[in-house]
Amino acid sequence: MEEKSAVDSGEKAYTCCVCERGFSQASDLLEHKCSHNGKKLLEPEDCGKGPDSPPDLETNRYSHSGERQFTCSDCGKVFGRLPNLLKHRYIHTGERPYTCSKCGKGFTQSSNLRSHQRIHTDEKPFKCPDCDKCFKRPGNLISHQLVHTEERPFSCPQCGKGFKSSAKLMTHKLIHRDERPFNCPHCKKCFKSSRELKFHQRVHTDQRPFKCSNCEKCFKTSGDLMSHQNVHSNERPFKCPYCGICFKRSSELKSHQRAHTDAGPYICSECGKCYKYFQGLMSHQCVQTVEELNL
């Protein structure tokens, strides 16, 4: 548990003997040493540097030979490096040795802890080269960059619909299933995914974990927060491919695009007539109701 306390305290107890750079984990130091020779870990007689411990010696030897010698006794998965096996073992033990000093949440990897700790700060080191917007995680930046393109690389194998992220594709796939295994303990309503259930439960708790850094207004979903943040800027990232008009929200663009097409997503359940806008469907149903009353 010495390595855990070093991560929590920020102490860099492991020092590179070549450049004197410090690390909080022995495994990080081991990886760093490769940068000085441009190769995978070498045998001591090849690189002239001795490992820091007997486990490092084993890792050094097998990485250089290309053999995958470290086998998980629980599932049989094989690894070429001992640190990778040790990290993998947490899956079976449930151990989360890296704990956030702010909220107590545990993680299996120090990199996940470092990423999590940005929640407690305003640090946003990942900057978009197109609009200078900054993000706390590299994955969020990658997802954001698709806003500047029409690329939808994730396609549904059943209906062919494209999505900008794998998470949105996964959520969409649930439409094709009839199962709703996630039950709300408060109202017994059922959902197709744990994510939908999690969002729904905020109705009962009024939890608003997503806070705007500009005005401190809080929101129930990250999507609502992202839509709100456009209020504080003149950015209009959603561009109509037909006429070039730009919008602050994807929902506004989607609504606008119906003016260029014959698509009518709002369908009357009585006569099957389609309407481009919800208001049109409501007006139609009111007329139908009045006509039925006059019969």
Protein backbone atom coordinates (compact mmCIF):
# COMPACT_ATOMS: atom_id res chain seq x y z
CA MET A 1 0.00 0.00 0.00
CA GLU A 2 3.09 2.25 -0.09
CA GLU A 3 2.36 3.05 -3.75
CA LYS A 4 -1.19 4.12 -2.90
CA SER A 5 -0.06 6.66 -0.29
CA ALA A 6 2.48 8.09 -2.73
CA VAL A 7 -0.27 8.74 -5.29
CA ASP A 8 -2.59 10.30 -2.71
CA SER A 9 0.08 12.62 -1.35
CA GLY A 10 1.54 13.52 -4.73
CA GLU A 11 4.95 12.29 -3.51
CA LYS A 12 7.24 11.10 -6.31
CA ALA A 13 9.22 8.41 -4.55
CA TYR A 14 10.59 6.72 -7.69
CA THR A 15 13.34 8.66 -9.52
CA CYS A 16 14.83 8.00 -12.94
CA CYS A 17 18.59 7.45 -12.66
CA VAL A 18 19.14 8.99 -16.11
CA CYS A 19 17.21 12.28 -16.03
CA GLU A 20 16.19 12.39 -12.35
CA ARG A 21 12.49 12.75 -13.22
CA GLY A 22 10.22 11.64 -10.34
CA PHE A 23 7.24 9.25 -10.41
CA SER A 24 4.67 8.18 -7.83
CA GLN A 25 4.56 4.60 -9.12
CA ALA A 26 7.32 2.11 -9.90
CA SER A 27 5.41 0.94 -12.98
CA ASP A 28 5.36 4.52 -14.36
CA LEU A 29 9.11 4.80 -13.83
CA LEU A 30 9.58 1.48 -15.62
CA GLU A 31 7.62 2.74 -18.64
CA HIS A 32 9.52 6.04 -18.60
CA LYS A 33 12.90 4.33 -18.79
CA CYS A 34 11.99 3.06 -22.24
CA SER A 35 12.10 6.64 -23.55
CA HIS A 36 15.85 6.76 -22.99
CA ASN A 37 16.59 3.82 -25.28
CA GLY A 38 13.69 3.94 -27.77
CA LYS A 39 12.93 0.24 -27.26
CA LYS A 40 10.84 -2.03 -25.11
CA LEU A 41 12.37 -2.87 -21.77
CA LEU A 42 15.82 -4.38 -22.31
CA GLU A 43 17.83 -7.00 -20.54
CA PRO A 44 20.27 -5.46 -18.03
CA GLU A 45 23.22 -6.59 -20.16
CA ASP A 46 21.72 -4.88 -23.25
CA CYS A 47 20.71 -1.52 -21.81
CA GLY A 48 23.20 -1.28 -18.96
CA LYS A 49 20.53 -0.34 -16.42
CA GLY A 50 19.45 -2.64 -13.62
CA PRO A 51 15.77 -2.99 -12.64
CA ASP A 52 14.57 -1.52 -9.36
CA SER A 53 13.28 -4.84 -7.96
CA PRO A 54 13.08 -8.61 -8.71
CA PRO A 55 9.55 -8.25 -10.23
CA ASP A 56 10.96 -5.55 -12.53
CA LEU A 57 13.69 -7.98 -13.57
CA GLU A 58 11.07 -10.54 -14.62
CA THR A 59 9.14 -7.89 -16.54
CA ASN A 60 12.35 -6.64 -18.18
CA ARG A 61 13.32 -10.12 -19.34
CA TYR A 62 9.98 -11.16 -20.83
CA SER A 63 9.29 -7.79 -22.50
CA HIS A 64 12.64 -8.01 -24.29
CA SER A 65 12.07 -11.57 -25.49
CA GLY A 66 8.49 -10.90 -26.66
CA GLU A 67 7.11 -13.75 -24.53
CA ARG A 68 3.84 -13.37 -22.63
CA GLN A 69 4.63 -15.11 -19.38
CA PHE A 70 2.38 -13.61 -16.68
CA THR A 71 -0.87 -15.56 -16.41
CA CYS A 72 -3.91 -14.62 -14.34
CA SER A 73 -4.79 -17.54 -12.06
CA ASP A 74 -8.49 -16.60 -12.12
CA CYS A 75 -9.28 -16.28 -15.83
CA GLY A 76 -6.13 -17.48 -17.61
CA LYS A 77 -5.44 -14.19 -19.40
CA VAL A 78 -1.73 -13.77 -20.21
CA PHE A 79 0.32 -10.57 -19.94
CA GLY A 80 3.82 -9.61 -21.07
CA ARG A 81 4.39 -7.29 -18.11
CA LEU A 82 3.88 -7.94 -14.42
CA PRO A 83 2.39 -4.46 -13.69
CA ASN A 84 -0.32 -5.15 -16.29
CA LEU A 85 -1.19 -8.43 -14.57
CA LEU A 86 -1.31 -6.72 -11.18
CA LYS A 87 -3.68 -4.04 -12.50
CA HIS A 88 -5.82 -6.71 -14.15
CA ARG A 89 -6.11 -8.63 -10.87
CA TYR A 90 -8.19 -5.79 -9.39
CA ILE A 91 -11.05 -6.90 -11.67
CA HIS A 92 -11.27 -10.18 -9.77
CA THR A 93 -10.58 -8.88 -6.26
CA GLY A 94 -12.72 -5.74 -6.46
CA GLU A 95 -9.89 -3.82 -4.82
CA ARG A 96 -9.63 -0.10 -5.59
CA PRO A 97 -6.32 0.96 -4.05
CA TYR A 98 -6.21 4.51 -5.41
CA THR A 99 -8.57 6.69 -3.37
CA CYS A 100 -9.58 10.30 -3.96
CA SER A 101 -8.63 12.42 -0.95
CA LYS A 102 -11.55 14.78 -1.64
CA CYS A 103 -14.56 12.42 -1.92
CA GLY A 104 -13.20 8.98 -1.05
CA LYS A 105 -14.05 7.37 -4.39
CA GLY A 106 -11.75 4.45 -5.23
CA PHE A 107 -10.08 3.48 -8.52
CA THR A 108 -8.11 0.52 -9.84
CA GLN A 109 -5.59 2.70 -11.69
CA SER A 110 -3.76 5.87 -10.71
CA SER A 111 -4.46 7.37 -14.16
CA ASN A 112 -8.22 7.06 -13.52
CA LEU A 113 -7.76 8.73 -10.14
CA ARG A 114 -5.86 11.64 -11.72
CA SER A 115 -8.59 12.05 -14.34
CA HIS A 116 -11.27 11.95 -11.62
CA GLN A 117 -9.52 14.55 -9.46
CA ARG A 118 -10.11 17.17 -12.16
CA ILE A 119 -13.79 17.07 -11.16
CA HIS A 120 -12.78 18.83 -7.95
CA THR A 121 -10.79 21.52 -9.79
CA ASP A 122 -11.30 23.81 -12.78
CA GLU A 123 -8.34 22.29 -14.63
CA LYS A 124 -9.18 21.65 -18.31
CA PRO A 125 -5.92 20.71 -20.04
CA PHE A 126 -7.38 19.35 -23.29
CA LYS A 127 -8.06 22.19 -25.76
CA CYS A 128 -10.00 22.01 -29.03
CA PRO A 129 -7.86 23.37 -31.92
CA ASP A 130 -10.98 24.54 -33.78
CA CYS A 131 -12.85 26.61 -31.18
CA ASP A 132 -10.44 26.80 -28.20
CA LYS A 133 -12.98 25.10 -25.92
CA CYS A 134 -11.25 23.15 -23.13
CA PHE A 135 -12.08 19.82 -21.52
CA LYS A 136 -11.08 17.84 -18.45
CA ARG A 137 -10.75 14.50 -20.26
CA PRO A 138 -9.26 13.59 -23.67
CA GLY A 139 -12.32 11.47 -24.47
CA ASN A 140 -14.57 14.51 -24.03
CA LEU A 141 -12.38 16.50 -26.43
CA ILE A 142 -12.55 13.73 -29.05
CA SER A 143 -16.34 13.58 -28.75
CA HIS A 144 -16.58 17.38 -28.98
CA GLN A 145 -14.46 17.60 -32.13
CA LEU A 146 -17.16 15.70 -34.04
CA VAL A 147 -19.34 18.81 -33.55
CA HIS A 148 -17.16 20.54 -36.14
CA THR A 149 -17.77 17.79 -38.70
CA GLU A 150 -20.73 15.84 -40.06
CA GLU A 151 -18.91 12.58 -39.42
CA ARG A 152 -20.96 9.86 -37.72
CA PRO A 153 -18.57 6.90 -37.57
CA PHE A 154 -20.69 4.66 -35.32
CA SER A 155 -23.50 2.93 -37.27
CA CYS A 156 -26.32 0.77 -35.94
CA PRO A 157 -26.07 -2.71 -37.53
CA GLN A 158 -29.86 -3.11 -37.45
CA CYS A 159 -31.16 0.14 -38.94
CA GLY A 160 -28.01 1.83 -40.26
CA LYS A 161 -28.48 5.05 -38.30
CA GLY A 162 -25.17 6.82 -37.63
CA PHE A 163 -23.93 8.38 -34.39
CA LYS A 164 -21.03 10.58 -33.39
CA SER A 165 -20.10 8.51 -30.34
CA SER A 166 -20.13 4.84 -29.35
CA ALA A 167 -22.05 5.74 -26.18
CA LYS A 168 -24.93 7.19 -28.22
CA LEU A 169 -24.91 4.14 -30.46
CA MET A 170 -25.11 1.84 -27.41
CA THR A 171 -28.06 3.83 -26.07
CA HIS A 172 -29.77 3.73 -29.46
CA LYS A 173 -29.40 -0.05 -29.75
CA LEU A 174 -31.69 -0.46 -26.76
CA ILE A 175 -34.56 0.82 -28.95
CA HIS A 176 -34.43 -2.48 -30.82
CA ARG A 177 -34.90 -4.46 -27.60
CA ASP A 178 -38.09 -4.96 -25.59
CA GLU A 179 -36.34 -5.70 -22.30
CA ARG A 180 -36.45 -3.12 -19.49
CA PRO A 181 -34.41 -4.73 -16.71
CA PHE A 182 -33.63 -1.57 -14.71
CA ASN A 183 -36.37 -0.73 -12.18
CA CYS A 184 -36.75 2.53 -10.27
CA PRO A 185 -37.08 1.78 -6.53
CA HIS A 186 -39.16 4.92 -6.02
CA CYS A 187 -41.90 4.59 -8.64
CA LYS A 188 -41.35 1.11 -10.17
CA LYS A 189 -40.85 2.61 -13.64
CA CYS A 190 -38.62 0.41 -15.83
CA PHE A 191 -35.79 1.38 -18.17
CA LYS A 192 -33.69 -0.26 -20.85
CA SER A 193 -30.35 0.96 -19.49
CA SER A 194 -28.78 1.85 -16.15
CA ARG A 195 -27.95 5.26 -17.61
CA GLU A 196 -31.64 6.01 -18.26
CA LEU A 197 -32.49 4.86 -14.74
CA LYS A 198 -29.77 7.06 -13.25
CA PHE A 199 -31.10 10.12 -15.10
CA HIS A 200 -34.67 9.28 -14.12
CA GLN A 201 -33.86 8.97 -10.41
CA ARG A 202 -32.85 12.63 -10.34
CA VAL A 203 -36.57 13.40 -10.74
CA HIS A 204 -37.09 11.98 -7.26
CA THR A 205 -34.00 13.53 -5.66
CA ASP A 206 -33.70 16.79 -7.65
CA GLN A 207 -29.96 16.08 -7.77
CA ARG A 208 -28.15 18.48 -10.13
CA PRO A 209 -24.51 17.39 -10.25
CA PHE A 210 -23.49 19.34 -13.37
CA LYS A 211 -22.52 22.92 -12.49
CA CYS A 212 -21.86 25.77 -14.90
CA SER A 213 -18.44 27.32 -14.26
CA ASN A 214 -19.66 30.72 -15.49
CA CYS A 215 -22.85 31.32 -13.49
CA GLU A 216 -22.88 28.34 -11.09
CA LYS A 217 -26.29 27.21 -12.31
CA CYS A 218 -26.71 23.44 -11.86
CA PHE A 219 -28.23 20.84 -14.17
CA LYS A 220 -29.39 17.24 -13.99
CA THR A 221 -27.56 16.05 -17.12
CA SER A 222 -24.27 16.91 -18.82
CA GLY A 223 -26.23 17.51 -22.04
CA ASP A 224 -28.34 20.19 -20.36
CA LEU A 225 -25.17 21.83 -19.02
CA MET A 226 -23.48 21.83 -22.44
CA SER A 227 -26.59 23.36 -24.05
CA HIS A 228 -26.73 26.01 -21.33
CA GLN A 229 -23.06 26.97 -21.67
CA ASN A 230 -23.71 28.24 -25.19
CA VAL A 231 -25.67 31.07 -23.53
CA HIS A 232 -22.37 32.46 -22.27
CA SER A 233 -20.75 32.49 -25.71
CA ASN A 234 -21.53 33.41 -29.30
CA GLU A 235 -20.52 29.96 -30.48
CA ARG A 236 -23.00 28.34 -32.87
CA PRO A 237 -21.40 24.97 -33.69
CA PHE A 238 -24.46 23.34 -35.31
CA LYS A 239 -24.57 24.29 -39.00
CA CYS A 240 -27.40 23.47 -41.41
CA PRO A 241 -25.96 21.57 -44.43
CA TYR A 242 -28.75 22.96 -46.66
CA CYS A 243 -28.60 26.72 -46.08
CA GLY A 244 -25.60 27.32 -43.80
CA ILE A 245 -27.52 28.85 -40.88
CA CYS A 246 -25.84 28.06 -37.55
CA PHE A 247 -27.46 27.21 -34.23
CA LYS A 248 -26.38 26.97 -30.61
CA ARG A 249 -28.19 23.69 -29.96
CA SER A 250 -28.47 20.48 -31.97
CA SER A 251 -32.20 20.37 -31.18
CA GLU A 252 -32.64 23.79 -32.83
CA LEU A 253 -30.79 22.59 -35.94
CA LYS A 254 -32.86 19.40 -36.07
CA SER A 255 -36.09 21.39 -35.84
CA HIS A 256 -34.87 23.83 -38.51
CA GLN A 257 -33.88 21.07 -40.96
CA ARG A 258 -37.48 19.93 -41.24
CA ALA A 259 -38.13 23.07 -43.28
CA HIS A 260 -35.85 21.62 -45.99
CA THR A 261 -37.37 18.13 -46.03
CA ASP A 262 -40.72 16.37 -46.07
CA ALA A 263 -39.95 14.52 -42.86
CA GLY A 264 -42.78 14.54 -40.34
CA PRO A 265 -41.80 12.84 -37.09
CA TYR A 266 -45.05 13.68 -35.29
CA ILE A 267 -47.74 11.20 -36.34
CA CYS A 268 -51.44 11.30 -35.45
CA SER A 269 -52.44 8.01 -33.81
CA GLU A 270 -56.01 8.36 -35.15
CA CYS A 271 -55.50 9.01 -38.87
CA GLY A 272 -51.76 8.52 -39.42
CA LYS A 273 -51.19 12.05 -40.76
CA CYS A 274 -47.62 13.35 -40.23
CA TYR A 275 -46.48 16.77 -39.08
CA LYS A 276 -43.07 18.42 -39.02
CA TYR A 277 -43.69 20.14 -35.71
CA PHE A 278 -45.34 19.07 -32.47
CA GLN A 279 -47.52 22.19 -32.47
CA GLY A 280 -48.95 21.15 -35.84
CA LEU A 281 -49.94 17.75 -34.46
CA MET A 282 -51.57 19.35 -31.42
CA SER A 283 -53.61 21.73 -33.59
CA HIS A 284 -54.70 18.85 -35.80
CA GLN A 285 -55.84 16.75 -32.83
CA CYS A 286 -57.82 19.69 -31.42
CA VAL A 287 -59.66 20.05 -34.75
CA GLN A 288 -60.42 16.34 -34.72
CA THR A 289 -61.80 16.57 -31.19
CA VAL A 290 -64.08 19.50 -32.09
CA GLU A 291 -65.35 17.69 -35.17
CA GLU A 292 -66.14 14.59 -33.14
CA LEU A 293 -68.07 16.67 -30.59
CA ASN A 294 -70.15 18.29 -33.35
CA LEU A 295 -71.19 14.93 -34.84
